[in-house]
């Protein structure tokens, strides 16, 4: 039992080294004996709840405004694409607003003309197919009767189709889907109007927008922003104009072929091939060549084969001869990087991402190239793909075979690993 002094407290034993052991810490931590909550804890809880609420609100607003943000991104790249033409006209005394309006008017006229010609071509083909459908049906019925010993008639087939439940359900579903198609068309027109307005403002008020952006940045950052903006204008405009020139060359080449084969609607098909093959990455060539092949097949099946051969040959000529010369100074990126950027852009933003992926990556590559320090590459055979280490037995046997008689063998250099 511990000894106590006159006050009844337990006597403290001195340590063997003559020091007194420290008192134990209080059980209440920082609150001490009164057990009160720290003053900073309520404010920390309120701040954490506020941050969570702001994050949730921002996430909800971002998801709600995703469509608008994508439209603004498209409008920004479109404004960058027409910036060289607008600046060229503005440098000659024309107001930027009027210059932008003229550029947009020209784009709208060309687009409307192309859509009108394409629509008339498709309407003519549909009418022709509908008029010739009875003859096609008779030929199919005669072939079936000749090979399968049946006695089918066109009247019986038509009555069976009219009385079938499949046709009735298809008509009902088509009637109910008219409203959905109309809503999608109206939504597309509204989206197109939004993109047009934003791109017009970005192009017409480009200097004012750059001035407003630079006014909130220090001078050093202003130079970097203006440099990035200039690079984006050069790369995006160069991409658009080089693609337009290649579309013109492709259209002329395919028009000559279709005229030689006497394929109908040759001018419209040539414009279709030129635009689709150049402005739809990766698969645009195959989509562009499918329609001329189909129209040529209605004239002569062999014509479709000639069109296919010409599309394949011209694509190789464009990839290895035409495109490197036209895009060497505008969008000079590796084909593998271009393909990967298109795949990534499609995964992020769909068709829009596929269209703007290449100029965006070209802009980023050119901007980063100014800040990446490069060194001279050493003159090593391995840089050129030649290996000197570990030469095989076949190489050594070949050297012994072609060595002149009496000539000593060449001693391999040190460190090559040759035996």
Protein backbone atom coordinates (compact mmCIF):
# COMPACT_ATOMS: atom_id res chain seq x y z
CA UNK A 1 0.00 0.00 0.00
CA UNK A 2 1.41 3.42 -0.99
CA UNK A 3 2.49 5.76 1.71
CA UNK A 4 0.62 9.06 2.26
CA UNK A 5 1.68 12.32 3.84
CA UNK A 6 -0.25 14.46 6.34
CA UNK A 7 -2.61 15.87 3.63
CA UNK A 8 -3.65 12.37 2.64
CA UNK A 9 -2.05 12.53 -0.84
CA UNK A 10 0.08 9.76 -2.09
CA UNK A 11 3.69 10.44 -1.59
CA UNK A 12 5.67 10.94 -4.75
CA UNK A 13 8.65 8.71 -5.06
CA UNK A 14 11.75 10.36 -6.33
CA UNK A 15 13.35 8.89 -9.32
CA UNK A 16 16.59 7.06 -8.86
CA UNK A 17 18.29 9.88 -10.77
CA UNK A 18 16.93 12.62 -8.47
CA UNK A 19 14.22 13.96 -10.86
CA UNK A 20 10.47 14.03 -10.47
CA UNK A 21 8.42 12.17 -13.13
CA UNK A 22 6.02 14.36 -15.15
CA UNK A 23 2.31 14.48 -14.41
CA UNK A 24 0.06 12.39 -16.68
CA UNK A 25 -1.81 14.34 -19.44
CA UNK A 26 -5.46 15.22 -18.84
CA UNK A 27 -8.03 12.78 -20.17
CA UNK A 28 -10.03 15.45 -22.02
CA UNK A 29 -7.32 16.35 -24.59
CA UNK A 30 -7.40 19.99 -25.74
CA UNK A 31 -10.77 20.60 -24.11
CA UNK A 32 -9.26 20.15 -20.67
CA UNK A 33 -11.34 19.60 -17.56
CA UNK A 34 -14.31 21.63 -18.83
CA UNK A 35 -14.84 19.21 -21.83
CA UNK A 36 -15.89 21.98 -24.30
CA UNK A 37 -15.66 21.58 -28.15
CA UNK A 38 -12.75 23.38 -29.86
CA UNK A 39 -13.72 26.68 -31.41
CA UNK A 40 -12.42 25.79 -34.90
CA UNK A 41 -14.46 22.60 -35.27
CA UNK A 42 -17.90 24.17 -36.08
CA UNK A 43 -16.35 26.48 -38.65
CA UNK A 44 -14.50 23.55 -40.23
CA UNK A 45 -17.73 21.55 -40.48
CA UNK A 46 -19.58 24.47 -42.04
CA UNK A 47 -16.74 25.04 -44.53
CA UNK A 48 -16.65 21.34 -45.49
CA UNK A 49 -20.43 21.28 -46.04
CA UNK A 50 -20.20 24.48 -48.11
CA UNK A 51 -17.46 23.01 -50.29
CA UNK A 52 -19.49 19.82 -50.87
CA UNK A 53 -22.54 21.90 -51.79
CA UNK A 54 -20.57 24.09 -54.19
CA UNK A 55 -19.06 21.00 -55.83
CA UNK A 56 -22.47 19.37 -56.26
CA UNK A 57 -23.93 22.60 -57.65
CA UNK A 58 -21.02 23.03 -60.05
CA UNK A 59 -21.28 19.41 -61.23
CA UNK A 60 -25.01 19.77 -61.84
CA UNK A 61 -24.53 23.05 -63.72
CA UNK A 62 -21.74 21.56 -65.85
CA UNK A 63 -23.89 18.60 -66.88
CA UNK A 64 -26.78 20.92 -67.69
CA UNK A 65 -24.59 23.24 -69.76
CA UNK A 66 -22.56 20.57 -71.57
CA UNK A 67 -24.42 21.15 -74.84
CA UNK A 68 -23.88 24.91 -74.66
CA UNK A 69 -20.20 24.48 -73.85
CA UNK A 70 -19.72 22.15 -76.82
CA UNK A 71 -21.45 24.68 -79.10
CA UNK A 72 -19.18 27.45 -77.80
CA UNK A 73 -16.12 25.26 -78.44
CA UNK A 74 -17.23 24.61 -82.01
CA UNK A 75 -17.92 28.30 -82.53
CA UNK A 76 -14.48 29.22 -81.18
CA UNK A 77 -12.67 26.90 -83.59
CA UNK A 78 -14.86 28.11 -86.46
CA UNK A 79 -13.95 31.69 -85.58
CA UNK A 80 -10.27 30.74 -85.53
CA UNK A 81 -10.67 29.14 -88.96
CA UNK A 82 -12.13 32.26 -90.59
CA UNK A 83 -9.88 34.67 -88.68
CA UNK A 84 -7.23 34.90 -91.47
CA UNK A 85 -9.84 35.84 -94.08
CA UNK A 86 -11.49 38.38 -91.78
CA UNK A 87 -8.14 39.91 -90.80
CA UNK A 88 -7.11 40.11 -94.46
CA UNK A 89 -10.23 42.07 -95.38
CA UNK A 90 -9.99 44.21 -92.23
CA UNK A 91 -6.40 45.15 -93.07
CA UNK A 92 -7.67 46.61 -96.35
CA UNK A 93 -10.05 49.03 -94.72
CA UNK A 94 -13.17 46.88 -94.31
CA UNK A 95 -14.85 46.81 -90.90
CA UNK A 96 -14.45 43.51 -89.04
CA UNK A 97 -18.19 43.11 -88.57
CA UNK A 98 -18.87 43.52 -92.29
CA UNK A 99 -15.93 41.29 -93.22
CA UNK A 100 -17.18 38.55 -90.89
CA UNK A 101 -20.68 38.87 -92.34
CA UNK A 102 -19.33 38.50 -95.88
CA UNK A 103 -17.38 35.37 -94.95
CA UNK A 104 -20.41 33.81 -93.27
CA UNK A 105 -22.62 34.76 -96.21
CA UNK A 106 -20.26 33.00 -98.62
CA UNK A 107 -20.15 29.90 -96.40
CA UNK A 108 -23.95 29.83 -96.14
CA UNK A 109 -24.40 30.21 -99.91
CA UNK A 110 -21.97 27.38 -100.65
CA UNK A 111 -23.51 25.10 -98.03
CA UNK A 112 -27.06 25.81 -99.18
CA UNK A 113 -26.12 25.13 -102.79
CA UNK A 114 -24.45 21.85 -101.90
CA UNK A 115 -27.41 20.69 -99.79
CA UNK A 116 -29.85 21.67 -102.54
CA UNK A 117 -27.94 19.80 -105.23
CA UNK A 118 -27.49 16.76 -103.02
CA UNK A 119 -31.16 16.76 -102.05
CA UNK A 120 -32.27 17.02 -105.68
CA UNK A 121 -29.97 14.14 -106.60
CA UNK A 122 -31.32 11.92 -103.82
CA UNK A 123 -34.90 12.86 -104.64
CA UNK A 124 -34.35 12.00 -108.29
CA UNK A 125 -32.84 8.64 -107.38
CA UNK A 126 -35.69 7.83 -105.01
CA UNK A 127 -38.27 8.69 -107.67
CA UNK A 128 -36.42 6.53 -110.18
CA UNK A 129 -36.28 3.62 -107.74
CA UNK A 130 -40.00 3.91 -107.01
CA UNK A 131 -40.86 4.02 -110.71
CA UNK A 132 -38.67 1.04 -111.54
CA UNK A 133 -39.69 -0.97 -108.48
CA UNK A 134 -42.40 -3.00 -110.33
CA UNK A 135 -39.86 -4.04 -112.96
CA UNK A 136 -37.35 -5.05 -110.25
CA UNK A 137 -40.07 -7.00 -108.47
CA UNK A 138 -41.09 -8.80 -111.68
CA UNK A 139 -37.48 -9.79 -112.38
CA UNK A 140 -37.06 -11.16 -108.86
CA UNK A 141 -40.34 -13.11 -109.07
CA UNK A 142 -39.40 -14.57 -112.45
CA UNK A 143 -36.00 -15.65 -111.08
CA UNK A 144 -37.62 -17.32 -108.07
CA UNK A 145 -40.20 -19.10 -110.26
CA UNK A 146 -37.50 -20.32 -112.64
CA UNK A 147 -35.18 -21.70 -109.95
CA UNK A 148 -37.63 -23.00 -107.35
CA UNK A 149 -40.55 -24.11 -109.58
CA UNK A 150 -43.03 -21.75 -107.91
CA UNK A 151 -45.95 -19.81 -109.36
CA UNK A 152 -45.67 -16.47 -107.62
CA UNK A 153 -47.36 -13.39 -109.04
CA UNK A 154 -46.76 -9.75 -108.37
CA UNK A 155 -50.38 -9.19 -107.35
CA UNK A 156 -50.15 -11.90 -104.69
CA UNK A 157 -46.92 -10.43 -103.31
CA UNK A 158 -48.40 -6.93 -103.17
CA UNK A 159 -51.55 -8.12 -101.40
CA UNK A 160 -49.49 -10.10 -98.92
CA UNK A 161 -47.42 -7.01 -98.13
CA UNK A 162 -50.47 -4.80 -97.72
CA UNK A 163 -52.20 -7.26 -95.38
CA UNK A 164 -49.12 -8.09 -93.31
CA UNK A 165 -48.85 -7.03 -89.67
CA UNK A 166 -45.23 -6.01 -90.19
CA UNK A 167 -46.19 -3.26 -92.66
CA UNK A 168 -48.99 -2.03 -90.40
CA UNK A 169 -46.67 -1.84 -87.38
CA UNK A 170 -44.01 -0.11 -89.44
CA UNK A 171 -46.45 2.56 -90.61
CA UNK A 172 -47.67 3.16 -87.06
CA UNK A 173 -44.15 3.44 -85.70
CA UNK A 174 -43.20 5.79 -88.52
CA UNK A 175 -46.23 7.98 -87.78
CA UNK A 176 -45.35 8.21 -84.11
CA UNK A 177 -41.71 8.94 -84.93
CA UNK A 178 -42.53 11.97 -87.07
CA UNK A 179 -42.76 14.17 -83.98
CA UNK A 180 -39.39 12.93 -82.73
CA UNK A 181 -37.78 13.66 -86.10
CA UNK A 182 -39.36 17.12 -86.17
CA UNK A 183 -38.07 17.86 -82.67
CA UNK A 184 -34.57 16.71 -83.65
CA UNK A 185 -34.64 18.90 -86.76
CA UNK A 186 -35.73 21.95 -84.76
CA UNK A 187 -33.07 21.21 -82.14
CA UNK A 188 -30.42 20.92 -84.84
CA UNK A 189 -31.47 24.24 -86.39
CA UNK A 190 -31.35 25.95 -82.99
CA UNK A 191 -27.91 24.46 -82.34
CA UNK A 192 -26.69 25.65 -85.74
CA UNK A 193 -28.02 29.15 -85.04
CA UNK A 194 -26.26 29.19 -81.65
CA UNK A 195 -22.94 28.14 -83.19
CA UNK A 196 -23.28 30.73 -85.94
CA UNK A 197 -24.00 33.60 -83.53
CA UNK A 198 -21.15 32.72 -81.17
CA UNK A 199 -18.66 32.24 -83.99
CA UNK A 200 -19.74 35.57 -85.52
CA UNK A 201 -19.14 37.39 -82.24
CA UNK A 202 -15.80 35.64 -81.68
CA UNK A 203 -14.57 36.57 -85.15
CA UNK A 204 -15.98 40.12 -85.29
CA UNK A 205 -14.87 41.05 -81.75
CA UNK A 206 -11.62 39.10 -81.78
CA UNK A 207 -9.34 42.06 -80.89
CA UNK A 208 -11.69 43.20 -78.14
CA UNK A 209 -11.88 39.68 -76.73
CA UNK A 210 -8.08 39.36 -76.68
CA UNK A 211 -7.77 42.77 -75.05
CA UNK A 212 -10.26 41.84 -72.34
CA UNK A 213 -8.46 38.56 -71.69
CA UNK A 214 -5.03 40.19 -71.48
CA UNK A 215 -6.27 42.95 -69.18
CA UNK A 216 -6.50 40.50 -66.25
CA UNK A 217 -3.03 39.01 -66.81
CA UNK A 218 0.48 40.29 -66.10
CA UNK A 219 2.58 41.39 -69.12
CA UNK A 220 4.60 38.16 -69.25
CA UNK A 221 1.45 36.05 -69.37
CA UNK A 222 -0.10 38.35 -71.94
CA UNK A 223 2.68 37.56 -74.41
CA UNK A 224 2.18 33.82 -73.91
CA UNK A 225 -1.60 34.06 -74.38
CA UNK A 226 -1.25 36.13 -77.55
CA UNK A 227 1.34 33.69 -78.89
CA UNK A 228 -0.96 30.73 -78.21
CA UNK A 229 -3.85 32.56 -79.86
CA UNK A 230 -1.78 33.31 -82.97
CA UNK A 231 -0.62 29.69 -83.22
CA UNK A 232 -4.21 28.47 -82.88
CA UNK A 233 -5.34 30.81 -85.68
CA UNK A 234 -2.51 29.69 -87.98
CA UNK A 235 -2.99 25.98 -87.36
CA UNK A 236 -6.79 25.97 -87.50
CA UNK A 237 -6.99 28.22 -90.54
CA UNK A 238 -4.22 26.27 -92.27
CA UNK A 239 -5.99 23.00 -91.55
CA UNK A 240 -9.26 24.29 -92.99
CA UNK A 241 -7.72 25.83 -96.11
CA UNK A 242 -5.46 22.86 -96.85
CA UNK A 243 -8.44 20.51 -96.47
CA UNK A 244 -10.50 22.75 -98.73
CA UNK A 245 -7.79 22.71 -101.41
CA UNK A 246 -7.49 18.92 -101.21
CA UNK A 247 -11.30 18.64 -101.40
CA UNK A 248 -11.24 20.75 -104.58
CA UNK A 249 -8.54 18.58 -106.18
CA UNK A 250 -10.33 15.38 -105.15
CA UNK A 251 -13.64 16.64 -106.49
CA UNK A 252 -12.14 17.56 -109.86
CA UNK A 253 -10.41 14.18 -110.20
CA UNK A 254 -13.55 12.20 -109.35
CA UNK A 255 -15.68 14.43 -111.58
CA UNK A 256 -13.46 13.59 -114.56
CA UNK A 257 -13.81 9.88 -113.85
CA UNK A 258 -17.59 10.01 -113.40
CA UNK A 259 -18.00 12.02 -116.61
CA UNK A 260 -15.91 9.48 -118.53
CA UNK A 261 -18.10 6.66 -117.18
CA UNK A 262 -21.24 8.72 -117.95
CA UNK A 263 -22.51 8.38 -114.38
CA UNK A 264 -25.48 10.69 -113.66
CA UNK A 265 -25.17 13.58 -111.21
CA UNK A 266 -21.39 13.66 -111.67
CA UNK A 267 -20.90 17.26 -110.35
CA UNK A 268 -22.86 16.61 -107.15
CA UNK A 269 -21.13 13.29 -106.54
CA UNK A 270 -17.73 14.92 -107.08
CA UNK A 271 -18.51 17.63 -104.52
CA UNK A 272 -19.75 14.95 -102.12
CA UNK A 273 -16.56 12.93 -102.46
CA UNK A 274 -14.33 15.97 -102.02
CA UNK A 275 -16.02 17.32 -98.88
CA UNK A 276 -16.78 14.06 -97.07
CA UNK A 277 -13.36 12.50 -97.73
CA UNK A 278 -11.52 15.54 -96.36
CA UNK A 279 -13.62 16.77 -93.47
CA UNK A 280 -14.64 13.44 -91.94
CA UNK A 281 -11.44 11.88 -90.58
CA UNK A 282 -10.45 8.22 -90.87
CA UNK A 283 -13.64 6.81 -92.42
CA UNK A 284 -14.52 9.76 -94.65
CA UNK A 285 -12.91 8.21 -97.72
CA UNK A 286 -15.03 5.06 -97.52
CA UNK A 287 -18.24 7.00 -96.84
CA UNK A 288 -17.46 9.33 -99.73
CA UNK A 289 -16.81 6.52 -102.22
CA UNK A 290 -19.88 4.48 -101.29
CA UNK A 291 -22.43 6.83 -102.87
CA UNK A 292 -20.71 7.16 -106.30
CA UNK A 293 -20.24 3.39 -106.36
CA UNK A 294 -23.95 2.87 -105.68
CA UNK A 295 -25.01 5.30 -108.41
CA UNK A 296 -22.51 3.79 -110.85
CA UNK A 297 -23.82 0.31 -110.05
CA UNK A 298 -27.28 1.33 -111.29
CA UNK A 299 -25.69 2.17 -114.66
CA UNK A 300 -23.31 -0.79 -114.96
CA UNK A 301 -21.88 -3.08 -112.24
CA UNK A 302 -18.45 -2.84 -113.85
CA UNK A 303 -18.55 0.94 -113.44
CA UNK A 304 -18.85 0.49 -109.68
CA UNK A 305 -15.68 -1.62 -109.74
CA UNK A 306 -13.83 1.06 -111.72
CA UNK A 307 -14.95 3.70 -109.23
CA UNK A 308 -13.70 1.56 -106.33
CA UNK A 309 -10.30 1.06 -107.97
CA UNK A 310 -9.96 4.78 -108.68
CA UNK A 311 -10.93 5.73 -105.09
CA UNK A 312 -8.28 3.38 -103.65
CA UNK A 313 -5.53 4.59 -106.03
CA UNK A 314 -6.35 8.25 -105.51
CA UNK A 315 -6.35 7.79 -101.74
CA UNK A 316 -2.80 6.42 -101.86
CA UNK A 317 -1.73 9.32 -104.10
CA UNK A 318 -3.27 11.78 -101.67
CA UNK A 319 -1.72 10.19 -98.58
CA UNK A 320 1.83 9.93 -99.90
CA UNK A 321 2.15 12.77 -102.43
CA UNK A 322 -0.51 15.45 -102.11
CA UNK A 323 -1.16 15.70 -98.38
CA UNK A 324 2.49 15.96 -97.21
CA UNK A 325 3.10 18.86 -99.60
CA UNK A 326 -0.02 20.81 -98.65
CA UNK A 327 0.06 20.28 -94.90
CA UNK A 328 3.82 20.47 -94.30
CA UNK A 329 3.64 24.08 -93.09
CA UNK A 330 0.13 24.13 -91.61
CA UNK A 331 -0.70 20.91 -89.72
CA UNK A 332 2.57 18.99 -89.64
CA UNK A 333 1.78 16.16 -87.22
CA UNK A 334 2.58 12.47 -87.42
CA UNK A 335 -0.16 10.27 -88.97
CA UNK A 336 -0.24 8.07 -85.88
CA UNK A 337 -0.70 11.14 -83.65
CA UNK A 338 -3.46 12.41 -85.95
CA UNK A 339 -5.25 9.07 -85.85
CA UNK A 340 -4.94 8.85 -82.06
CA UNK A 341 -6.19 12.41 -81.63
CA UNK A 342 -9.23 11.65 -83.79
CA UNK A 343 -10.03 8.56 -81.72
CA UNK A 344 -9.63 10.51 -78.47
CA UNK A 345 -11.72 13.42 -79.76
CA UNK A 346 -14.46 11.05 -80.86
CA UNK A 347 -14.50 9.37 -77.45
CA UNK A 348 -14.77 12.74 -75.68
CA UNK A 349 -17.06 14.81 -77.91
CA UNK A 350 -18.28 12.49 -80.65
CA UNK A 351 -18.26 13.78 -84.22
CA UNK A 352 -17.41 17.29 -83.04
CA UNK A 353 -14.31 16.03 -81.29
CA UNK A 354 -13.24 14.16 -84.42
CA UNK A 355 -13.45 17.37 -86.46
CA UNK A 356 -11.54 19.64 -84.09
CA UNK A 357 -9.07 17.06 -82.76
CA UNK A 358 -6.39 17.52 -85.45
CA UNK A 359 -6.18 21.35 -85.34
CA UNK A 360 -6.30 21.28 -81.53
CA UNK A 361 -3.42 18.79 -81.32
CA UNK A 362 -1.46 20.72 -83.96
CA UNK A 363 -1.91 23.93 -81.95
CA UNK A 364 -0.81 22.23 -78.73
CA UNK A 365 2.20 20.67 -80.46
CA UNK A 366 3.31 23.98 -81.95
CA UNK A 367 2.83 25.83 -78.66
CA UNK A 368 4.76 23.28 -76.62
CA UNK A 369 7.51 23.16 -79.23
CA UNK A 370 8.53 26.69 -78.28
CA UNK A 371 9.17 25.67 -74.66
CA UNK A 372 10.73 22.22 -75.10
CA UNK A 373 14.51 22.33 -75.26
CA UNK A 374 15.98 20.09 -77.95
CA UNK A 375 19.50 18.70 -78.28
CA UNK A 376 21.62 17.45 -81.17
CA UNK A 377 21.22 13.73 -81.67
CA UNK A 378 24.38 11.67 -81.38
CA UNK A 379 25.70 10.04 -84.52
CA UNK A 380 24.97 6.49 -83.44
CA UNK A 381 24.02 3.72 -85.91
CA UNK A 382 21.22 2.68 -83.61
CA UNK A 383 19.51 6.01 -84.22
CA UNK A 384 19.13 5.05 -87.88
CA UNK A 385 17.89 1.58 -87.04
CA UNK A 386 21.19 -0.25 -87.58
CA UNK A 387 22.40 -2.66 -84.94
CA UNK A 388 26.11 -3.35 -84.35
CA UNK A 389 25.83 -5.32 -81.15
CA UNK A 390 25.48 -9.07 -81.12
CA UNK A 391 26.02 -9.78 -84.81
CA UNK A 392 24.67 -13.18 -85.68
CA UNK A 393 26.52 -16.17 -87.06
CA UNK A 394 25.13 -15.58 -90.53
CA UNK A 395 26.73 -12.11 -90.67
CA UNK A 396 30.10 -13.42 -89.50
CA UNK A 397 29.97 -16.32 -92.00
CA UNK A 398 29.16 -13.85 -94.77
CA UNK A 399 32.17 -11.69 -93.84
CA UNK A 400 34.45 -14.77 -93.91
CA UNK A 401 33.01 -15.82 -97.29
CA UNK A 402 33.48 -12.46 -99.04
CA UNK A 403 36.89 -11.72 -97.43
CA UNK A 404 39.70 -11.90 -99.99
CA UNK A 405 42.24 -14.73 -99.47
CA UNK A 406 45.18 -13.82 -97.27
CA UNK A 407 43.50 -10.69 -95.85
CA UNK A 408 43.29 -10.71 -92.05
CA UNK A 409 39.92 -10.33 -90.44
CA UNK A 410 38.79 -6.97 -89.16
CA UNK A 411 38.92 -6.75 -85.44
CA UNK A 412 35.61 -5.63 -84.03
CA UNK A 413 35.69 -2.47 -81.93
CA UNK A 414 35.68 -2.74 -78.20
CA UNK A 415 32.30 -2.78 -76.52
CA UNK A 416 30.37 -4.07 -79.52
CA UNK A 417 29.86 -7.51 -77.98
CA UNK A 418 31.03 -9.34 -81.11
CA UNK A 419 32.79 -12.59 -80.58
